[in-house]
Amino acid sequence: MFRNLLKTKMLANYVLLSISLLSLYGCSKGEEPIVEQPTDEFSYEVECTSCEISYTDKLNVTKTVKHTTGKWEYKFDQKISFELKLSIKTSLSSQQTINAYILKNKETVFGDVGYNQTTITYDTQNARGSAVYGSYKNTDTGNGGNTGGSTKPTSSVCGAKNKSGGYCKRFVVGGGRCWQHK
């Protein structure tokens, strides 16, 4: 009998404790957690061989970097609200590929692959971009066959950004993206 009384008393204490905890946490008017709104972090990213890069910096002033080879980046360390402009031209006379992109929060929002010269602009207020890309010109004068017309087919590099941070280098006949990045 003493055992049953002890079990009943322990059960009552457990139920009382559970109800107290539920009322303490369930009915309190706790404040909603504060979630910070992420600021839009813009940046430029260019990959080229021996090129000259002109860009709009964080003060909306045009700057130029000469003889850049490889990957070049410029990150805005503050919120901006003006049109971004990025112009690249190669220093070499031979055909050169230029990867030029404008990123927002590390994701590409505008840009593509061009040849020998590229100019891209991006309006940060309206999220609109425009671009002028140099095109690939086939300079093959061999006897590789006749295309059947007077115009040469255009080709371009896919240029989609991949997981490793580089760019897809597959050639696409007619331009655009490759089969994997469509």
Protein backbone atom coordinates (compact mmCIF):
# COMPACT_ATOMS: atom_id res chain seq x y z
CA MET A 1 0.00 0.00 0.00
CA PHE A 2 2.85 2.34 0.85
CA ARG A 3 4.33 1.58 -2.57
CA ASN A 4 1.12 2.51 -4.39
CA LEU A 5 0.89 5.75 -2.43
CA LEU A 6 4.50 6.59 -3.33
CA LYS A 7 3.88 5.82 -7.02
CA THR A 8 0.75 7.98 -7.04
CA LYS A 9 2.58 10.88 -5.36
CA MET A 10 5.48 10.65 -7.87
CA LEU A 11 3.04 10.53 -10.79
CA ALA A 12 1.21 13.59 -9.45
CA ASN A 13 4.51 15.49 -9.08
CA TYR A 14 5.48 14.53 -12.65
CA VAL A 15 2.14 15.70 -14.06
CA LEU A 16 2.35 18.97 -12.08
CA LEU A 17 5.89 19.60 -13.29
CA SER A 18 4.90 18.89 -16.90
CA ILE A 19 1.94 21.28 -16.72
CA SER A 20 4.14 23.97 -15.15
CA LEU A 21 6.74 23.64 -17.91
CA LEU A 22 4.09 23.72 -20.64
CA SER A 23 2.49 26.84 -19.22
CA LEU A 24 5.86 28.48 -18.75
CA TYR A 25 7.06 27.90 -22.34
CA GLY A 26 3.79 27.50 -24.22
CA CYS A 27 1.96 30.61 -23.10
CA SER A 28 4.77 33.09 -22.82
CA LYS A 29 4.74 35.99 -25.22
CA GLY A 30 8.29 35.55 -26.36
CA GLU A 31 9.66 37.88 -28.99
CA GLU A 32 10.13 36.66 -32.52
CA PRO A 33 13.77 36.01 -33.32
CA ILE A 34 15.37 38.91 -35.13
CA VAL A 35 16.44 37.88 -38.59
CA GLU A 36 18.86 40.25 -40.25
CA GLN A 37 18.06 41.07 -43.84
CA PRO A 38 21.10 40.23 -45.94
CA THR A 39 22.62 43.18 -47.73
CA ASP A 40 23.15 42.73 -51.42
CA GLU A 41 26.85 42.09 -51.86
CA PHE A 42 27.87 42.79 -55.45
CA SER A 43 31.15 41.87 -57.08
CA TYR A 44 32.85 41.60 -60.46
CA GLU A 45 34.61 38.51 -61.72
CA VAL A 46 36.74 38.34 -64.87
CA GLU A 47 38.90 35.58 -66.30
CA CYS A 48 41.13 36.42 -69.27
CA THR A 49 44.66 36.28 -70.65
CA SER A 50 46.54 39.59 -70.83
CA CYS A 51 43.64 42.01 -70.75
CA GLU A 52 42.80 45.54 -69.64
CA ILE A 53 39.84 45.88 -67.27
CA SER A 54 37.88 49.10 -66.67
CA TYR A 55 35.25 49.02 -63.94
CA THR A 56 33.08 51.22 -61.76
CA ASP A 57 34.33 51.07 -58.16
CA LYS A 58 32.47 51.54 -54.87
CA LEU A 59 32.63 55.34 -55.22
CA ASN A 60 31.09 55.17 -58.73
CA VAL A 61 34.45 56.13 -60.27
CA THR A 62 35.90 54.35 -63.31
CA LYS A 63 39.18 52.56 -62.58
CA THR A 64 41.46 50.62 -64.94
CA VAL A 65 43.68 47.60 -64.34
CA LYS A 66 46.15 46.74 -67.11
CA HIS A 67 47.81 43.48 -68.15
CA THR A 68 45.67 41.23 -65.96
CA THR A 69 46.12 37.51 -66.52
CA GLY A 70 43.99 34.81 -64.96
CA LYS A 71 41.13 35.47 -62.57
CA TRP A 72 40.41 39.00 -61.32
CA GLU A 73 37.79 39.92 -58.71
CA TYR A 74 36.49 43.14 -57.21
CA LYS A 75 34.08 43.03 -54.27
CA PHE A 76 31.99 45.96 -53.07
CA ASP A 77 32.35 46.24 -49.29
CA GLN A 78 29.28 48.48 -48.93
CA LYS A 79 25.73 48.74 -50.22
CA ILE A 80 25.56 50.32 -53.67
CA SER A 81 22.69 51.74 -55.69
CA PHE A 82 24.16 52.73 -59.04
CA GLU A 83 24.77 51.08 -62.40
CA LEU A 84 27.75 48.73 -62.46
CA LYS A 85 29.91 48.81 -65.57
CA LEU A 86 32.68 46.43 -66.56
CA SER A 87 34.71 46.70 -69.81
CA ILE A 88 37.43 44.27 -70.82
CA LYS A 89 39.63 44.16 -73.90
CA THR A 90 42.52 41.87 -74.60
CA SER A 91 46.03 43.19 -75.06
CA LEU A 92 46.99 40.46 -77.53
CA SER A 93 46.17 40.55 -81.23
CA SER A 94 45.12 36.88 -81.36
CA GLN A 95 41.64 35.68 -80.44
CA GLN A 96 41.23 35.59 -76.66
CA THR A 97 38.31 34.36 -74.55
CA ILE A 98 36.94 36.68 -71.86
CA ASN A 99 34.68 35.48 -69.02
CA ALA A 100 32.99 38.54 -67.47
CA TYR A 101 30.35 38.34 -64.73
CA ILE A 102 28.57 40.52 -62.20
CA LEU A 103 27.66 38.64 -59.03
CA LYS A 104 25.14 39.34 -56.29
CA ASN A 105 25.65 37.44 -53.04
CA LYS A 106 28.20 35.20 -54.84
CA GLU A 107 25.67 34.15 -57.53
CA THR A 108 25.97 35.29 -61.15
CA VAL A 109 23.26 37.80 -62.03
CA PHE A 110 24.65 38.93 -65.37
CA GLY A 111 27.51 38.17 -67.73
CA ASP A 112 28.78 35.69 -70.25
CA VAL A 113 31.73 34.79 -72.43
CA GLY A 114 33.04 37.11 -75.13
CA TYR A 115 36.06 37.34 -77.38
CA ASN A 116 38.71 40.10 -77.47
CA GLN A 117 36.38 42.73 -75.95
CA THR A 118 33.38 42.73 -73.66
CA THR A 119 31.33 45.45 -71.99
CA ILE A 120 28.59 44.63 -69.48
CA THR A 121 26.42 46.92 -67.37
CA TYR A 122 24.00 46.06 -64.59
CA ASP A 123 21.39 48.34 -63.03
CA THR A 124 21.31 47.37 -59.33
CA GLN A 125 17.99 49.20 -58.75
CA ASN A 126 16.00 47.47 -61.52
CA ALA A 127 18.01 44.21 -61.77
CA ARG A 128 18.61 44.63 -65.51
CA GLY A 129 21.76 44.10 -67.46
CA SER A 130 23.01 44.81 -70.95
CA ALA A 131 26.09 43.65 -72.77
CA VAL A 132 28.19 43.91 -75.89
CA TYR A 133 30.38 40.89 -76.56
CA GLY A 134 33.08 40.38 -79.12
CA SER A 135 32.39 37.31 -81.24
CA TYR A 136 34.53 34.36 -82.24
CA LYS A 137 35.67 34.53 -85.84
CA ASN A 138 36.81 31.34 -87.49
CA THR A 139 40.09 32.18 -89.23
CA ASP A 140 40.56 28.69 -90.67
CA THR A 141 41.48 29.11 -94.36
CA GLY A 142 42.17 25.44 -94.96
CA ASN A 143 40.23 23.19 -97.29
CA GLY A 144 38.02 21.92 -94.51
CA GLY A 145 34.93 21.76 -96.68
CA ASN A 146 32.18 24.04 -97.80
CA THR A 147 29.44 25.17 -95.43
CA GLY A 148 27.07 25.69 -98.34
CA GLY A 149 26.65 29.42 -97.80
CA SER A 150 28.45 32.68 -97.58
CA THR A 151 28.16 33.02 -93.80
CA LYS A 152 30.37 31.16 -91.40
CA PRO A 153 28.72 29.31 -88.50
CA THR A 154 29.26 31.06 -85.17
CA SER A 155 30.46 29.19 -82.13
CA SER A 156 30.92 30.25 -78.57
CA VAL A 157 32.10 28.86 -75.29
CA CYS A 158 29.30 27.82 -72.91
CA GLY A 159 30.74 29.94 -70.08
CA ALA A 160 28.35 28.76 -67.35
CA LYS A 161 29.82 29.04 -63.87
CA ASN A 162 30.47 25.62 -62.35
CA LYS A 163 30.69 24.39 -58.76
CA SER A 164 34.47 24.69 -58.58
CA GLY A 165 34.29 28.43 -59.32
CA GLY A 166 35.54 28.14 -62.89
CA TYR A 167 33.64 28.35 -66.14
CA CYS A 168 32.51 25.72 -68.61
CA LYS A 169 34.82 25.74 -71.63
CA ARG A 170 32.73 23.60 -73.99
CA PHE A 171 32.31 25.08 -77.48
CA VAL A 172 28.68 25.37 -78.56
CA VAL A 173 27.87 25.61 -82.27
CA GLY A 174 25.40 28.44 -82.76
CA GLY A 175 26.14 29.96 -79.34
CA GLY A 176 24.31 29.64 -76.02
CA ARG A 177 24.84 27.05 -73.31
CA CYS A 178 26.03 23.46 -73.64
CA TRP A 179 23.76 20.45 -73.09
CA GLN A 180 24.70 20.23 -69.41
CA HIS A 181 24.03 23.88 -68.54
CA LYS A 182 20.79 24.52 -70.47
